Amino acid sequence: MLKRLMAKVFPQTTASAVSDLERTLEKLSQAEACHSEAARQARQTACDLHDHADMQYALADRASMIHSRISKLLD
C-alpha cells in the first residue's frame, strides 16, 4: 500500500527510497516498542520504591513505639 501511494505521489521515487522508508518505519516501530517497555519498567520501579518507602515508614513507626515502651519501663 505504501509503495503504491508513494508511486502516485512521487512517481520519481525509486524502489530503493521506498525500501529505505519502510526500514525507517520498522525502526520507528521497534523504538516505540522499546519506549513502551522502558515506561512499563519505570512505572514498576516507581511502585516498588513506593512500597519500599511504605515498609520503611512502618518499620520506623514500630521502632519508635518500641523505643517509647522501653523508655517507659526504664522510668
PDB file of N, CA and C in Angstrom:
ATOM      1  N   MET A   1       0.823  -1.181   0.000  1.00  0.00           N
ATOM      2  CA  MET A   1       0.000   0.000   0.000  1.00  0.00           C
ATOM      3  C   MET A   1       0.874   1.255   0.000  1.00  0.00           C
ATOM      4  N   LEU A   2       1.891   1.261   0.844  1.00  0.00           N
ATOM      5  CA  LEU A   2       2.780   2.415   0.912  1.00  0.00           C
ATOM      6  C   LEU A   2       3.492   2.638  -0.415  1.00  0.00           C
ATOM      7  N   LYS A   3       3.920   1.555  -1.037  1.00  0.00           N
ATOM      8  CA  LYS A   3       4.624   1.680  -2.319  1.00  0.00           C
ATOM      9  C   LYS A   3       3.714   2.281  -3.383  1.00  0.00           C
ATOM     10  N   ARG A   4       2.455   1.852  -3.407  1.00  0.00           N
ATOM     11  CA  ARG A   4       1.511   2.393  -4.400  1.00  0.00           C
ATOM     12  C   ARG A   4       1.248   3.871  -4.156  1.00  0.00           C
ATOM     13  N   LEU A   5       1.070   4.236  -2.891  1.00  0.00           N
ATOM     14  CA  LEU A   5       0.834   5.636  -2.555  1.00  0.00           C
ATOM     15  C   LEU A   5       2.037   6.487  -2.938  1.00  0.00           C
ATOM     16  N   MET A   6       3.220   6.016  -2.606  1.00  0.00           N
ATOM     17  CA  MET A   6       4.438   6.756  -2.950  1.00  0.00           C
ATOM     18  C   MET A   6       4.587   6.885  -4.465  1.00  0.00           C
ATOM     19  N   ALA A   7       4.248   5.830  -5.188  1.00  0.00           N
ATOM     20  CA  ALA A   7       4.370   5.862  -6.650  1.00  0.00           C
ATOM     21  C   ALA A   7       3.416   6.887  -7.258  1.00  0.00           C
ATOM     22  N   LYS A   8       2.235   7.044  -6.657  1.00  0.00           N
ATOM     23  CA  LYS A   8       1.275   8.028  -7.164  1.00  0.00           C
ATOM     24  C   LYS A   8       1.705   9.450  -6.812  1.00  0.00           C
ATOM     25  N   VAL A   9       2.146   9.644  -5.574  1.00  0.00           N
ATOM     26  CA  VAL A   9       2.501  10.982  -5.112  1.00  0.00           C
ATOM     27  C   VAL A   9       3.858  11.422  -5.647  1.00  0.00           C
ATOM     28  N   PHE A  10       4.807  10.513  -5.630  1.00  0.00           N
ATOM     29  CA  PHE A  10       6.168  10.814  -6.084  1.00  0.00           C
ATOM     30  C   PHE A  10       6.597   9.771  -7.111  1.00  0.00           C
ATOM     31  N   PRO A  11       6.165   9.895  -8.338  1.00  0.00           N
ATOM     32  CA  PRO A  11       6.482   8.867  -9.336  1.00  0.00           C
ATOM     33  C   PRO A  11       7.983   8.706  -9.575  1.00  0.00           C
ATOM     34  N   GLN A  12       8.769   9.732  -9.279  1.00  0.00           N
ATOM     35  CA  GLN A  12      10.205   9.628  -9.490  1.00  0.00           C
ATOM     36  C   GLN A  12      10.905   8.875  -8.347  1.00  0.00           C
ATOM     37  N   THR A  13      10.164   8.584  -7.284  1.00  0.00           N
ATOM     38  CA  THR A  13      10.760   7.879  -6.154  1.00  0.00           C
ATOM     39  C   THR A  13      11.172   6.478  -6.576  1.00  0.00           C
ATOM     40  N   THR A  14      12.367   6.133  -6.239  1.00  0.00           N
ATOM     41  CA  THR A  14      12.871   4.815  -6.632  1.00  0.00           C
ATOM     42  C   THR A  14      12.449   3.761  -5.623  1.00  0.00           C
ATOM     43  N   ALA A  15      12.554   2.526  -6.045  1.00  0.00           N
ATOM     44  CA  ALA A  15      12.237   1.414  -5.148  1.00  0.00           C
ATOM     45  C   ALA A  15      13.174   1.427  -3.944  1.00  0.00           C
ATOM     46  N   SER A  16      14.384   1.867  -4.154  1.00  0.00           N
ATOM     47  CA  SER A  16      15.351   1.939  -3.058  1.00  0.00           C
ATOM     48  C   SER A  16      14.903   2.932  -1.990  1.00  0.00           C
ATOM     49  N   ALA A  17      14.398   4.070  -2.426  1.00  0.00           N
ATOM     50  CA  ALA A  17      13.930   5.077  -1.473  1.00  0.00           C
ATOM     51  C   ALA A  17      12.732   4.562  -0.687  1.00  0.00           C
ATOM     52  N   VAL A  18      11.840   3.863  -1.364  1.00  0.00           N
ATOM     53  CA  VAL A  18      10.676   3.287  -0.686  1.00  0.00           C
ATOM     54  C   VAL A  18      11.137   2.239   0.319  1.00  0.00           C
ATOM     55  N   SER A  19      12.095   1.432  -0.086  1.00  0.00           N
ATOM     56  CA  SER A  19      12.637   0.417   0.811  1.00  0.00           C
ATOM     57  C   SER A  19      13.284   1.069   2.037  1.00  0.00           C
ATOM     58  N   ASP A  20      14.023   2.156   1.811  1.00  0.00           N
ATOM     59  CA  ASP A  20      14.628   2.885   2.931  1.00  0.00           C
ATOM     60  C   ASP A  20      13.556   3.417   3.871  1.00  0.00           C
ATOM     61  N   LEU A  21      12.489   3.932   3.303  1.00  0.00           N
ATOM     62  CA  LEU A  21      11.391   4.452   4.113  1.00  0.00           C
ATOM     63  C   LEU A  21      10.737   3.335   4.926  1.00  0.00           C
ATOM     64  N   GLU A  22      10.534   2.188   4.314  1.00  0.00           N
ATOM     65  CA  GLU A  22       9.946   1.055   5.035  1.00  0.00           C
ATOM     66  C   GLU A  22      10.844   0.616   6.188  1.00  0.00           C
ATOM     67  N   ARG A  23      12.158   0.589   5.950  1.00  0.00           N
ATOM     68  CA  ARG A  23      13.092   0.229   7.026  1.00  0.00           C
ATOM     69  C   ARG A  23      13.036   1.260   8.156  1.00  0.00           C
ATOM     70  N   THR A  24      12.933   2.520   7.786  1.00  0.00           N
ATOM     71  CA  THR A  24      12.838   3.579   8.797  1.00  0.00           C
ATOM     72  C   THR A  24      11.565   3.428   9.621  1.00  0.00           C
ATOM     73  N   LEU A  25      10.464   3.131   8.963  1.00  0.00           N
ATOM     74  CA  LEU A  25       9.204   2.921   9.681  1.00  0.00           C
ATOM     75  C   LEU A  25       9.297   1.720  10.615  1.00  0.00           C
ATOM     76  N   GLU A  26       9.969   0.673  10.186  1.00  0.00           N
ATOM     77  CA  GLU A  26      10.162  -0.506  11.036  1.00  0.00           C
ATOM     78  C   GLU A  26      11.007  -0.149  12.259  1.00  0.00           C
ATOM     79  N   LYS A  27      12.060   0.631  12.041  1.00  0.00           N
ATOM     80  CA  LYS A  27      12.902   1.053  13.167  1.00  0.00           C
ATOM     81  C   LYS A  27      12.105   1.919  14.143  1.00  0.00           C
ATOM     82  N   LEU A  28      11.258   2.787  13.613  1.00  0.00           N
ATOM     83  CA  LEU A  28      10.408   3.607  14.478  1.00  0.00           C
ATOM     84  C   LEU A  28       9.455   2.743  15.294  1.00  0.00           C
ATOM     85  N   SER A  29       8.924   1.724  14.666  1.00  0.00           N
ATOM     86  CA  SER A  29       8.027   0.806  15.363  1.00  0.00           C
ATOM     87  C   SER A  29       8.765   0.083  16.488  1.00  0.00           C
ATOM     88  N   GLN A  30       9.988  -0.355  16.209  1.00  0.00           N
ATOM     89  CA  GLN A  30      10.796  -1.025  17.230  1.00  0.00           C
ATOM     90  C   GLN A  30      11.135  -0.064  18.369  1.00  0.00           C
ATOM     91  N   ALA A  31      11.462   1.182  18.020  1.00  0.00           N
ATOM     92  CA  ALA A  31      11.781   2.177  19.045  1.00  0.00           C
ATOM     93  C   ALA A  31      10.569   2.442  19.933  1.00  0.00           C
ATOM     94  N   GLU A  32       9.387   2.476  19.316  1.00  0.00           N
ATOM     95  CA  GLU A  32       8.163   2.690  20.087  1.00  0.00           C
ATOM     96  C   GLU A  32       7.944   1.538  21.066  1.00  0.00           C
ATOM     97  N   ALA A  33       8.194   0.317  20.616  1.00  0.00           N
ATOM     98  CA  ALA A  33       8.042  -0.846  21.493  1.00  0.00           C
ATOM     99  C   ALA A  33       9.041  -0.778  22.651  1.00  0.00           C
ATOM    100  N   CYS A  34      10.276  -0.383  22.353  1.00  0.00           N
ATOM    101  CA  CYS A  34      11.290  -0.253  23.404  1.00  0.00           C
ATOM    102  C   CYS A  34      10.891   0.832  24.404  1.00  0.00           C
ATOM    103  N   HIS A  35      10.371   1.933  23.886  1.00  0.00           N
ATOM    104  CA  HIS A  35       9.934   3.027  24.751  1.00  0.00           C
ATOM    105  C   HIS A  35       8.803   2.563  25.661  1.00  0.00           C
ATOM    106  N   SER A  36       7.869   1.817  25.108  1.00  0.00           N
ATOM    107  CA  SER A  36       6.747   1.315  25.910  1.00  0.00           C
ATOM    108  C   SER A  36       7.247   0.401  27.021  1.00  0.00           C
ATOM    109  N   GLU A  37       8.206  -0.460  26.705  1.00  0.00           N
ATOM    110  CA  GLU A  37       8.764  -1.369  27.710  1.00  0.00           C
ATOM    111  C   GLU A  37       9.516  -0.581  28.779  1.00  0.00           C
ATOM    112  N   ALA A  38      10.282   0.416  28.363  1.00  0.00           N
ATOM    113  CA  ALA A  38      11.016   1.238  29.331  1.00  0.00           C
ATOM    114  C   ALA A  38      10.048   1.984  30.251  1.00  0.00           C
ATOM    115  N   ALA A  39       8.959   2.480  29.694  1.00  0.00           N
ATOM    116  CA  ALA A  39       7.951   3.173  30.502  1.00  0.00           C
ATOM    117  C   ALA A  39       7.299   2.209  31.485  1.00  0.00           C
ATOM    118  N   ARG A  40       7.022   0.992  31.046  1.00  0.00           N
ATOM    119  CA  ARG A  40       6.435  -0.014  31.938  1.00  0.00           C
ATOM    120  C   ARG A  40       7.391  -0.322  33.085  1.00  0.00           C
ATOM    121  N   GLN A  41       8.673  -0.490  32.760  1.00  0.00           N
ATOM    122  CA  GLN A  41       9.667  -0.776  33.793  1.00  0.00           C
ATOM    123  C   GLN A  41       9.814   0.393  34.763  1.00  0.00           C
ATOM    124  N   ALA A  42       9.747   1.608  34.252  1.00  0.00           N
ATOM    125  CA  ALA A  42       9.843   2.789  35.119  1.00  0.00           C
ATOM    126  C   ALA A  42       8.657   2.853  36.079  1.00  0.00           C
ATOM    127  N   ARG A  43       7.462   2.556  35.561  1.00  0.00           N
ATOM    128  CA  ARG A  43       6.276   2.542  36.433  1.00  0.00           C
ATOM    129  C   ARG A  43       6.414   1.465  37.504  1.00  0.00           C
ATOM    130  N   GLN A  44       6.919   0.296  37.115  1.00  0.00           N
ATOM    131  CA  GLN A  44       7.092  -0.788  38.081  1.00  0.00           C
ATOM    132  C   GLN A  44       8.115  -0.407  39.143  1.00  0.00           C
ATOM    133  N   THR A  45       9.207   0.222  38.720  1.00  0.00           N
ATOM    134  CA  THR A  45      10.232   0.660  39.670  1.00  0.00           C
ATOM    135  C   THR A  45       9.657   1.689  40.636  1.00  0.00           C
ATOM    136  N   ALA A  46       8.863   2.615  40.127  1.00  0.00           N
ATOM    137  CA  ALA A  46       8.235   3.621  40.990  1.00  0.00           C
ATOM    138  C   ALA A  46       7.316   2.958  42.015  1.00  0.00           C
ATOM    139  N   CYS A  47       6.557   1.973  41.583  1.00  0.00           N
ATOM    140  CA  CYS A  47       5.677   1.243  42.512  1.00  0.00           C
ATOM    141  C   CYS A  47       6.496   0.505  43.564  1.00  0.00           C
ATOM    142  N   ASP A  48       7.581  -0.138  43.121  1.00  0.00           N
ATOM    143  CA  ASP A  48       8.444  -0.863  44.055  1.00  0.00           C
ATOM    144  C   ASP A  48       9.054   0.084  45.090  1.00  0.00           C
ATOM    145  N   LEU A  49       9.514   1.255  44.629  1.00  0.00           N
ATOM    146  CA  LEU A  49      10.099   2.234  45.547  1.00  0.00           C
ATOM    147  C   LEU A  49       9.056   2.762  46.527  1.00  0.00           C
ATOM    148  N   HIS A  50       7.845   2.965  46.038  1.00  0.00           N
ATOM    149  CA  HIS A  50       6.769   3.429  46.921  1.00  0.00           C
ATOM    150  C   HIS A  50       6.471   2.379  47.982  1.00  0.00           C
ATOM    151  N   ASP A  51       6.398   1.117  47.572  1.00  0.00           N
ATOM    152  CA  ASP A  51       6.163   0.035  48.527  1.00  0.00           C
ATOM    153  C   ASP A  51       7.286  -0.037  49.554  1.00  0.00           C
ATOM    154  N   HIS A  52       8.529   0.120  49.090  1.00  0.00           N
ATOM    155  CA  HIS A  52       9.681   0.074  49.988  1.00  0.00           C
ATOM    156  C   HIS A  52       9.613   1.233  50.987  1.00  0.00           C
ATOM    157  N   ALA A  53       9.247   2.416  50.507  1.00  0.00           N
ATOM    158  CA  ALA A  53       9.125   3.575  51.399  1.00  0.00           C
ATOM    159  C   ALA A  53       8.034   3.340  52.439  1.00  0.00           C
ATOM    160  N   ASP A  54       6.919   2.762  52.027  1.00  0.00           N
ATOM    161  CA  ASP A  54       5.848   2.442  52.976  1.00  0.00           C
ATOM    162  C   ASP A  54       6.345   1.478  54.046  1.00  0.00           C
ATOM    163  N   MET A  55       7.113   0.469  53.626  1.00  0.00           N
ATOM    164  CA  MET A  55       7.642  -0.509  54.570  1.00  0.00           C
ATOM    165  C   MET A  55       8.622   0.163  55.538  1.00  0.00           C
ATOM    166  N   GLN A  56       9.483   1.042  55.021  1.00  0.00           N
ATOM    167  CA  GLN A  56      10.436   1.747  55.880  1.00  0.00           C
ATOM    168  C   GLN A  56       9.700   2.631  56.890  1.00  0.00           C
ATOM    169  N   TYR A  57       8.647   3.285  56.446  1.00  0.00           N
ATOM    170  CA  TYR A  57       7.857   4.126  57.340  1.00  0.00           C
ATOM    171  C   TYR A  57       7.230   3.271  58.444  1.00  0.00           C
ATOM    172  N   ALA A  58       6.691   2.126  58.079  1.00  0.00           N
ATOM    173  CA  ALA A  58       6.078   1.235  59.069  1.00  0.00           C
ATOM    174  C   ALA A  58       7.122   0.732  60.066  1.00  0.00           C
ATOM    175  N   LEU A  59       8.315   0.403  59.573  1.00  0.00           N
ATOM    176  CA  LEU A  59       9.383  -0.053  60.470  1.00  0.00           C
ATOM    177  C   LEU A  59       9.820   1.063  61.418  1.00  0.00           C
ATOM    178  N   ALA A  60       9.934   2.273  60.907  1.00  0.00           N
ATOM    179  CA  ALA A  60      10.317   3.406  61.751  1.00  0.00           C
ATOM    180  C   ALA A  60       9.250   3.670  62.806  1.00  0.00           C
ATOM    181  N   ASP A  61       7.993   3.561  62.424  1.00  0.00           N
ATOM    182  CA  ASP A  61       6.892   3.748  63.362  1.00  0.00           C
ATOM    183  C   ASP A  61       6.945   2.685  64.455  1.00  0.00           C
ATOM    184  N   ARG A  62       7.193   1.458  64.052  1.00  0.00           N
ATOM    185  CA  ARG A  62       7.286   0.342  65.016  1.00  0.00           C
ATOM    186  C   ARG A  62       8.481   0.543  65.950  1.00  0.00           C
ATOM    187  N   ALA A  63       9.611   0.968  65.407  1.00  0.00           N
ATOM    188  CA  ALA A  63      10.798   1.212  66.229  1.00  0.00           C
ATOM    189  C   ALA A  63      10.537   2.335  67.232  1.00  0.00           C
ATOM    190  N   SER A  64       9.830   3.364  66.805  1.00  0.00           N
ATOM    191  CA  SER A  64       9.501   4.467  67.704  1.00  0.00           C
ATOM    192  C   SER A  64       8.605   3.992  68.841  1.00  0.00           C
ATOM    193  N   MET A  65       7.648   3.140  68.518  1.00  0.00           N
ATOM    194  CA  MET A  65       6.744   2.611  69.533  1.00  0.00           C
ATOM    195  C   MET A  65       7.522   1.748  70.538  1.00  0.00           C
ATOM    196  N   ILE A  66       8.414   0.914  70.044  1.00  0.00           N
ATOM    197  CA  ILE A  66       9.223   0.062  70.926  1.00  0.00           C
ATOM    198  C   ILE A  66      10.114   0.932  71.813  1.00  0.00           C
ATOM    199  N   HIS A  67      10.722   1.955  71.226  1.00  0.00           N
ATOM    200  CA  HIS A  67      11.572   2.860  71.992  1.00  0.00           C
ATOM    201  C   HIS A  67      10.772   3.539  73.094  1.00  0.00           C
ATOM    202  N   SER A  68       9.567   3.951  72.771  1.00  0.00           N
ATOM    203  CA  SER A  68       8.705   4.601  73.754  1.00  0.00           C
ATOM    204  C   SER A  68       8.373   3.650  74.899  1.00  0.00           C
ATOM    205  N   ARG A  69       8.068   2.413  74.585  1.00  0.00           N
ATOM    206  CA  ARG A  69       7.746   1.424  75.629  1.00  0.00           C
ATOM    207  C   ARG A  69       8.956   1.144  76.516  1.00  0.00           C
ATOM    208  N   ILE A  70      10.121   1.019  75.899  1.00  0.00           N
ATOM    209  CA  ILE A  70      11.345   0.773  76.678  1.00  0.00           C
ATOM    210  C   ILE A  70      11.622   1.961  77.592  1.00  0.00           C
ATOM    211  N   SER A  71      11.445   3.164  77.074  1.00  0.00           N
ATOM    212  CA  SER A  71      11.667   4.368  77.888  1.00  0.00           C
ATOM    213  C   SER A  71      10.732   4.394  79.090  1.00  0.00           C
ATOM    214  N   LYS A  72       9.474   4.004  78.887  1.00  0.00           N
ATOM    215  CA  LYS A  72       8.510   3.976  79.990  1.00  0.00           C
ATOM    216  C   LYS A  72       8.908   2.931  81.027  1.00  0.00           C
ATOM    217  N   LEU A  73       9.430   1.785  80.580  1.00  0.00           N
ATOM    218  CA  LEU A  73       9.843   0.737  81.510  1.00  0.00           C
ATOM    219  C   LEU A  73      11.053   1.170  82.335  1.00  0.00           C
ATOM    220  N   LEU A  74      11.935   1.955  81.727  1.00  0.00           N
ATOM    221  CA  LEU A  74      13.145   2.386  82.423  1.00  0.00           C
ATOM    222  C   LEU A  74      12.889   3.532  83.396  1.00  0.00           C
ATOM    223  N   ASP A  75      11.772   4.215  83.238  1.00  0.00           N
ATOM    224  CA  ASP A  75      11.466   5.347  84.140  1.00  0.00           C
ATOM    225  C   ASP A  75      10.991   4.900  85.477  1.00  0.00           C
TER     226      ASP A  75
END
